[in-house]
């Protein structure tokens, strides 16, 4: 069965389209998510939820695909759709802050780095996941796998900076 005929593939495209639309809307302030929920802005909560999902689900996926290979296809669907949903939340956060802080680009340094690394992970993951009978370039899998380590380090730096601990 071809990958482009699956529900997961179409859900992936819908999530990517929703990410683009929501990011553009957040960047140009068609809606504002800069209200407080507790001690943090709502837009920061979105990013924290997305980041927490990635931080928890990615290692679990990595471990379970080795411990329970019989469930790999189901786990891969959860990994794909879950991480793209987290990417949507993080994209809204990034776009809202990029629009708000456009005049202060030096404040976006770590966040921009984080987002570029996340984009690289998403792009390589999609190429790796939805390739059809064409073997992807051999380095795509390595880029996808090892940029997760870079992402983890940059997330840590970004969180420490965001909570004024660095």
Protein backbone atom coordinates (compact mmCIF):
# COMPACT_ATOMS: atom_id res chain seq x y z
CA UNK A 1 0.00 0.00 0.00
CA UNK A 2 1.33 3.41 -0.90
CA UNK A 3 1.98 5.84 1.94
CA UNK A 4 0.09 8.71 0.31
CA UNK A 5 -3.18 6.75 0.45
CA UNK A 6 -3.18 6.31 4.22
CA UNK A 7 -5.20 8.30 6.70
CA UNK A 8 -1.99 9.08 8.59
CA UNK A 9 -0.48 10.73 5.50
CA UNK A 10 -3.53 12.95 5.01
CA UNK A 11 -3.61 13.78 8.71
CA UNK A 12 0.05 14.77 8.42
CA UNK A 13 -0.73 17.11 5.53
CA UNK A 14 -3.68 18.60 7.43
CA UNK A 15 -1.51 19.17 10.51
CA UNK A 16 1.21 20.80 8.40
CA UNK A 17 -1.32 23.06 6.69
CA UNK A 18 -2.88 23.95 10.06
CA UNK A 19 0.60 24.74 11.37
CA UNK A 20 1.31 27.12 8.48
CA UNK A 21 -2.06 28.86 8.77
CA UNK A 22 -1.95 29.14 12.57
CA UNK A 23 1.64 30.41 12.44
CA UNK A 24 0.85 33.09 9.88
CA UNK A 25 -2.21 34.14 11.86
CA UNK A 26 -0.20 34.30 15.09
CA UNK A 27 2.62 36.24 13.43
CA UNK A 28 0.33 38.96 12.05
CA UNK A 29 -1.74 38.99 15.26
CA UNK A 30 -5.06 37.90 13.77
CA UNK A 31 -5.54 36.45 17.21
CA UNK A 32 -3.68 37.17 20.41
CA UNK A 33 -2.58 34.51 22.81
CA UNK A 34 -0.67 36.91 25.03
CA UNK A 35 -2.94 36.67 28.05
CA UNK A 36 -1.90 35.19 31.35
CA UNK A 37 -2.89 31.76 32.59
CA UNK A 38 -1.38 31.52 36.01
CA UNK A 39 2.02 33.14 35.96
CA UNK A 40 2.78 32.54 32.27
CA UNK A 41 1.34 33.71 28.98
CA UNK A 42 -1.03 31.27 27.29
CA UNK A 43 1.25 31.13 24.24
CA UNK A 44 4.07 29.95 26.50
CA UNK A 45 1.84 27.20 27.93
CA UNK A 46 1.22 25.98 24.37
CA UNK A 47 4.94 25.70 23.81
CA UNK A 48 5.54 24.05 27.17
CA UNK A 49 2.86 21.44 26.41
CA UNK A 50 4.34 20.77 22.95
CA UNK A 51 7.88 20.59 24.31
CA UNK A 52 6.85 18.32 27.18
CA UNK A 53 5.16 15.95 24.75
CA UNK A 54 8.27 15.78 22.56
CA UNK A 55 10.56 15.42 25.59
CA UNK A 56 8.53 12.51 26.97
CA UNK A 57 7.17 10.79 23.86
CA UNK A 58 10.37 10.71 21.80
CA UNK A 59 12.46 8.67 24.28
CA UNK A 60 9.46 6.42 24.95
CA UNK A 61 9.11 5.82 21.20
CA UNK A 62 12.82 5.09 20.93
CA UNK A 63 12.73 2.56 23.79
CA UNK A 64 9.46 0.87 22.84
CA UNK A 65 10.38 0.36 19.20
CA UNK A 66 13.23 -1.83 20.43
CA UNK A 67 11.37 -3.50 23.30
CA UNK A 68 8.11 -4.14 21.40
CA UNK A 69 8.88 -4.30 17.68
CA UNK A 70 5.54 -6.00 17.01
CA UNK A 71 3.78 -2.69 17.85
CA UNK A 72 6.10 -0.56 15.72
CA UNK A 73 3.50 0.58 13.15
CA UNK A 74 1.07 1.76 15.81
CA UNK A 75 3.85 3.51 17.73
CA UNK A 76 5.09 5.19 14.56
CA UNK A 77 1.61 6.63 13.91
CA UNK A 78 1.45 8.00 17.45
CA UNK A 79 4.99 9.38 17.10
CA UNK A 80 4.22 11.06 13.78
CA UNK A 81 0.82 12.58 14.60
CA UNK A 82 1.74 13.42 18.21
CA UNK A 83 4.98 15.18 17.36
CA UNK A 84 3.37 17.09 14.49
CA UNK A 85 0.67 18.26 16.92
CA UNK A 86 3.41 19.37 19.32
CA UNK A 87 5.13 21.10 16.39
CA UNK A 88 1.87 22.98 15.74
CA UNK A 89 1.78 24.27 19.32
CA UNK A 90 5.45 25.25 19.26
CA UNK A 91 5.01 26.96 15.88
CA UNK A 92 2.19 29.11 17.25
CA UNK A 93 4.43 30.11 20.16
CA UNK A 94 7.35 30.91 17.88
CA UNK A 95 5.26 32.87 15.37
CA UNK A 96 3.53 34.90 18.08
CA UNK A 97 6.86 35.81 19.68
CA UNK A 98 8.57 36.47 16.35
CA UNK A 99 5.77 38.89 15.45
CA UNK A 100 5.84 40.54 18.85
CA UNK A 101 9.63 40.77 19.06
CA UNK A 102 10.36 41.48 15.39
CA UNK A 103 12.09 44.73 16.33
CA UNK A 104 14.26 42.97 18.92
CA UNK A 105 15.83 40.15 16.92
CA UNK A 106 18.56 39.60 19.51
CA UNK A 107 15.83 38.32 21.88
CA UNK A 108 14.94 35.60 19.37
CA UNK A 109 18.40 34.02 19.06
CA UNK A 110 17.93 30.80 21.04
CA UNK A 111 14.27 30.48 20.04
CA UNK A 112 15.15 30.86 16.36
CA UNK A 113 17.90 28.27 16.68
CA UNK A 114 15.50 25.93 18.43
CA UNK A 115 12.86 26.39 15.78
CA UNK A 116 15.29 25.81 12.89
CA UNK A 117 16.49 22.57 14.51
CA UNK A 118 12.87 21.51 15.05
CA UNK A 119 12.07 22.29 11.40
CA UNK A 120 15.00 20.13 10.34
CA UNK A 121 13.74 17.26 12.49
CA UNK A 122 10.20 17.57 11.12
CA UNK A 123 11.38 17.77 7.50
CA UNK A 124 13.71 14.78 7.76
CA UNK A 125 11.08 12.81 9.67
CA UNK A 126 8.50 13.39 6.96
CA UNK A 127 10.94 12.43 4.21
CA UNK A 128 11.94 9.32 6.12
CA UNK A 129 8.36 8.35 7.00
CA UNK A 130 6.59 8.92 3.70
CA UNK A 131 9.13 7.88 1.15
CA UNK A 132 7.73 5.54 -1.43
CA UNK A 133 9.84 2.89 -3.14
CA UNK A 134 12.73 5.35 -3.27
CA UNK A 135 15.43 4.84 -0.69
CA UNK A 136 16.09 8.20 1.02
CA UNK A 137 19.56 9.57 1.09
CA UNK A 138 21.50 7.59 3.65
CA UNK A 139 22.19 10.61 5.83
CA UNK A 140 18.51 11.61 6.30
CA UNK A 141 18.01 9.02 9.06
CA UNK A 142 21.19 10.16 10.81
CA UNK A 143 20.22 13.82 10.61
CA UNK A 144 16.78 13.02 12.02
CA UNK A 145 18.18 10.92 14.84
CA UNK A 146 21.08 13.14 15.93
CA UNK A 147 19.39 16.52 15.65
CA UNK A 148 17.08 15.29 18.43
CA UNK A 149 20.12 15.45 20.73
CA UNK A 150 20.85 19.00 19.57
CA UNK A 151 17.17 19.87 20.07
CA UNK A 152 17.28 18.58 23.64
CA UNK A 153 20.31 20.70 24.48
CA UNK A 154 18.87 23.85 22.89
CA UNK A 155 15.52 23.29 24.65
CA UNK A 156 17.37 23.08 27.96
CA UNK A 157 19.23 26.33 27.26
CA UNK A 158 16.03 28.04 26.08
CA UNK A 159 14.10 26.94 29.20
CA UNK A 160 16.87 28.03 31.54
CA UNK A 161 17.01 31.38 29.78
CA UNK A 162 13.21 31.72 29.77
CA UNK A 163 12.97 31.03 33.51
CA UNK A 164 15.86 33.49 34.15
CA UNK A 165 18.15 30.75 35.41
CA UNK A 166 20.84 31.38 32.84
